[in-house]
């Protein structure tokens, strides 16, 4: 089991922000999950192919330009993650597992 922690800030000009929500942009959950998935592939050697996301909870908003951290714990077959703000407030958590093709 490996644990990885990475700090990140979502750019204020991310293309998903204008429609989510006009005048009060919030980083979409799918953007956060894509970032988590990319880190798992890079740092945990998470297996390519189909995945199953489980127990995903979005606990608070992430604003554009807001400093955050993500912590992943797992291996090639499965991992859990937590995303926190710079003051350690959790904003998302969940699990992902590789689904072998039959």
C-alpha atoms as a PDB file:
ATOM      1  CA  UNK A   1       0.000   0.000   0.000  1.00  0.00           C
ATOM      2  CA  UNK A   2       1.346   3.393  -1.006  1.00  0.00           C
ATOM      3  CA  UNK A   3       0.260   6.843   0.170  1.00  0.00           C
ATOM      4  CA  UNK A   4       0.725   9.905  -2.034  1.00  0.00           C
ATOM      5  CA  UNK A   5      -0.103  13.512  -1.186  1.00  0.00           C
ATOM      6  CA  UNK A   6      -0.106  16.296  -3.784  1.00  0.00           C
ATOM      7  CA  UNK A   7      -1.011  19.968  -3.462  1.00  0.00           C
ATOM      8  CA  UNK A   8      -2.921  21.548  -6.331  1.00  0.00           C
ATOM      9  CA  UNK A   9      -4.942  24.581  -7.355  1.00  0.00           C
ATOM     10  CA  UNK A  10      -7.500  24.447 -10.145  1.00  0.00           C
ATOM     11  CA  UNK A  11      -6.899  27.271 -12.606  1.00  0.00           C
ATOM     12  CA  UNK A  12      -9.401  30.091 -12.643  1.00  0.00           C
ATOM     13  CA  UNK A  13      -9.611  29.808 -16.445  1.00  0.00           C
ATOM     14  CA  UNK A  14     -10.423  26.067 -16.535  1.00  0.00           C
ATOM     15  CA  UNK A  15     -12.820  25.487 -19.476  1.00  0.00           C
ATOM     16  CA  UNK A  16     -15.422  23.720 -17.269  1.00  0.00           C
ATOM     17  CA  UNK A  17     -15.938  26.715 -14.981  1.00  0.00           C
ATOM     18  CA  UNK A  18     -18.063  29.141 -17.055  1.00  0.00           C
ATOM     19  CA  UNK A  19     -21.091  26.853 -16.957  1.00  0.00           C
ATOM     20  CA  UNK A  20     -20.605  25.667 -13.382  1.00  0.00           C
ATOM     21  CA  UNK A  21     -22.002  28.139 -12.126  1.00  0.00           C
ATOM     22  CA  UNK A  22     -22.142  31.522 -13.896  1.00  0.00           C
ATOM     23  CA  UNK A  23     -21.192  34.329 -11.540  1.00  0.00           C
ATOM     24  CA  UNK A  24     -20.161  31.956  -8.734  1.00  0.00           C
ATOM     25  CA  UNK A  25     -17.891  29.308 -10.273  1.00  0.00           C
ATOM     26  CA  UNK A  26     -17.265  26.028  -8.461  1.00  0.00           C
ATOM     27  CA  UNK A  27     -14.849  23.352  -9.673  1.00  0.00           C
ATOM     28  CA  UNK A  28     -17.047  20.483 -10.966  1.00  0.00           C
ATOM     29  CA  UNK A  29     -16.746  17.141  -9.204  1.00  0.00           C
ATOM     30  CA  UNK A  30     -15.865  15.413 -12.465  1.00  0.00           C
ATOM     31  CA  UNK A  31     -12.830  17.714 -12.816  1.00  0.00           C
ATOM     32  CA  UNK A  32     -11.679  16.726  -9.319  1.00  0.00           C
ATOM     33  CA  UNK A  33     -12.192  13.017 -10.053  1.00  0.00           C
ATOM     34  CA  UNK A  34     -10.232  13.313 -13.304  1.00  0.00           C
ATOM     35  CA  UNK A  35      -7.354  14.886 -11.367  1.00  0.00           C
ATOM     36  CA  UNK A  36      -7.498  12.082  -8.760  1.00  0.00           C
ATOM     37  CA  UNK A  37      -7.567   9.411 -11.480  1.00  0.00           C
ATOM     38  CA  UNK A  38      -4.602  10.964 -13.280  1.00  0.00           C
ATOM     39  CA  UNK A  39      -2.546  11.056 -10.070  1.00  0.00           C
ATOM     40  CA  UNK A  40      -3.407   7.404  -9.332  1.00  0.00           C
ATOM     41  CA  UNK A  41      -2.210   6.366 -12.784  1.00  0.00           C
ATOM     42  CA  UNK A  42       1.020   8.380 -12.440  1.00  0.00           C
ATOM     43  CA  UNK A  43       1.982   7.675  -8.843  1.00  0.00           C
ATOM     44  CA  UNK A  44       0.261   4.409  -7.873  1.00  0.00           C
ATOM     45  CA  UNK A  45       0.630   2.774 -11.293  1.00  0.00           C
ATOM     46  CA  UNK A  46      -3.142   2.280 -11.204  1.00  0.00           C
ATOM     47  CA  UNK A  47      -4.107  -0.287 -13.808  1.00  0.00           C
ATOM     48  CA  UNK A  48      -5.449   0.981 -17.150  1.00  0.00           C
ATOM     49  CA  UNK A  49      -8.916   0.013 -18.291  1.00  0.00           C
ATOM     50  CA  UNK A  50     -12.333   0.034 -16.676  1.00  0.00           C
ATOM     51  CA  UNK A  51     -12.807   1.459 -13.192  1.00  0.00           C
ATOM     52  CA  UNK A  52     -15.530   1.432 -10.567  1.00  0.00           C
ATOM     53  CA  UNK A  53     -15.892   4.535  -8.394  1.00  0.00           C
ATOM     54  CA  UNK A  54     -17.434   3.842  -4.979  1.00  0.00           C
ATOM     55  CA  UNK A  55     -18.582   5.800  -1.941  1.00  0.00           C
ATOM     56  CA  UNK A  56     -17.922   9.172  -3.577  1.00  0.00           C
ATOM     57  CA  UNK A  57     -18.901  12.059  -1.309  1.00  0.00           C
ATOM     58  CA  UNK A  58     -18.586  15.735  -2.160  1.00  0.00           C
ATOM     59  CA  UNK A  59     -18.527  17.469   1.215  1.00  0.00           C
ATOM     60  CA  UNK A  60     -17.991  21.080   0.179  1.00  0.00           C
ATOM     61  CA  UNK A  61     -17.161  23.282  -2.781  1.00  0.00           C
ATOM     62  CA  UNK A  62     -13.737  23.802  -4.320  1.00  0.00           C
ATOM     63  CA  UNK A  63     -13.364  27.285  -5.725  1.00  0.00           C
ATOM     64  CA  UNK A  64     -11.164  28.207  -8.678  1.00  0.00           C
ATOM     65  CA  UNK A  65      -7.724  29.240  -7.436  1.00  0.00           C
ATOM     66  CA  UNK A  66      -8.300  27.678  -3.992  1.00  0.00           C
ATOM     67  CA  UNK A  67      -5.264  25.741  -2.687  1.00  0.00           C
ATOM     68  CA  UNK A  68      -6.126  22.085  -1.999  1.00  0.00           C
ATOM     69  CA  UNK A  69      -4.400  18.769  -1.369  1.00  0.00           C
ATOM     70  CA  UNK A  70      -5.286  15.267  -2.418  1.00  0.00           C
ATOM     71  CA  UNK A  71      -4.133  12.160  -0.617  1.00  0.00           C
ATOM     72  CA  UNK A  72      -4.353   8.763  -2.301  1.00  0.00           C
ATOM     73  CA  UNK A  73      -3.782   5.470  -0.528  1.00  0.00           C
ATOM     74  CA  UNK A  74      -3.672   2.243  -2.494  1.00  0.00           C
ATOM     75  CA  UNK A  75      -1.979   0.266  -5.194  1.00  0.00           C
ATOM     76  CA  UNK A  76      -2.338  -0.879  -8.785  1.00  0.00           C
ATOM     77  CA  UNK A  77      -5.785  -2.421  -8.206  1.00  0.00           C
ATOM     78  CA  UNK A  78      -7.597  -0.039  -5.838  1.00  0.00           C
ATOM     79  CA  UNK A  79      -7.200   3.241  -3.986  1.00  0.00           C
ATOM     80  CA  UNK A  80      -9.029   5.609  -1.687  1.00  0.00           C
ATOM     81  CA  UNK A  81      -8.731   9.376  -1.816  1.00  0.00           C
ATOM     82  CA  UNK A  82      -9.412  12.477   0.241  1.00  0.00           C
ATOM     83  CA  UNK A  83      -9.311  16.047  -1.067  1.00  0.00           C
ATOM     84  CA  UNK A  84      -8.890  18.801   1.529  1.00  0.00           C
ATOM     85  CA  UNK A  85      -8.614  22.573   1.453  1.00  0.00           C
ATOM     86  CA  UNK A  86      -5.459  24.294   2.720  1.00  0.00           C
ATOM     87  CA  UNK A  87      -7.035  24.479   6.207  1.00  0.00           C
ATOM     88  CA  UNK A  88      -7.540  20.657   6.187  1.00  0.00           C
ATOM     89  CA  UNK A  89     -11.305  20.841   5.592  1.00  0.00           C
ATOM     90  CA  UNK A  90     -12.350  17.713   3.637  1.00  0.00           C
ATOM     91  CA  UNK A  91     -14.207  18.528   0.407  1.00  0.00           C
ATOM     92  CA  UNK A  92     -14.319  15.109  -1.296  1.00  0.00           C
ATOM     93  CA  UNK A  93     -13.535  11.474  -0.596  1.00  0.00           C
ATOM     94  CA  UNK A  94     -14.119   8.082  -2.110  1.00  0.00           C
ATOM     95  CA  UNK A  95     -12.666   4.925  -3.549  1.00  0.00           C
ATOM     96  CA  UNK A  96     -11.840   3.553  -6.959  1.00  0.00           C
ATOM     97  CA  UNK A  97     -11.080   0.045  -8.066  1.00  0.00           C
ATOM     98  CA  UNK A  98      -9.854  -1.534 -11.281  1.00  0.00           C
ATOM     99  CA  UNK A  99     -12.417  -3.758 -12.977  1.00  0.00           C
ATOM    100  CA  UNK A 100     -10.760  -6.605 -14.911  1.00  0.00           C
ATOM    101  CA  UNK A 101     -12.321  -7.347 -18.261  1.00  0.00           C
ATOM    102  CA  UNK A 102     -14.053 -10.716 -18.395  1.00  0.00           C
END
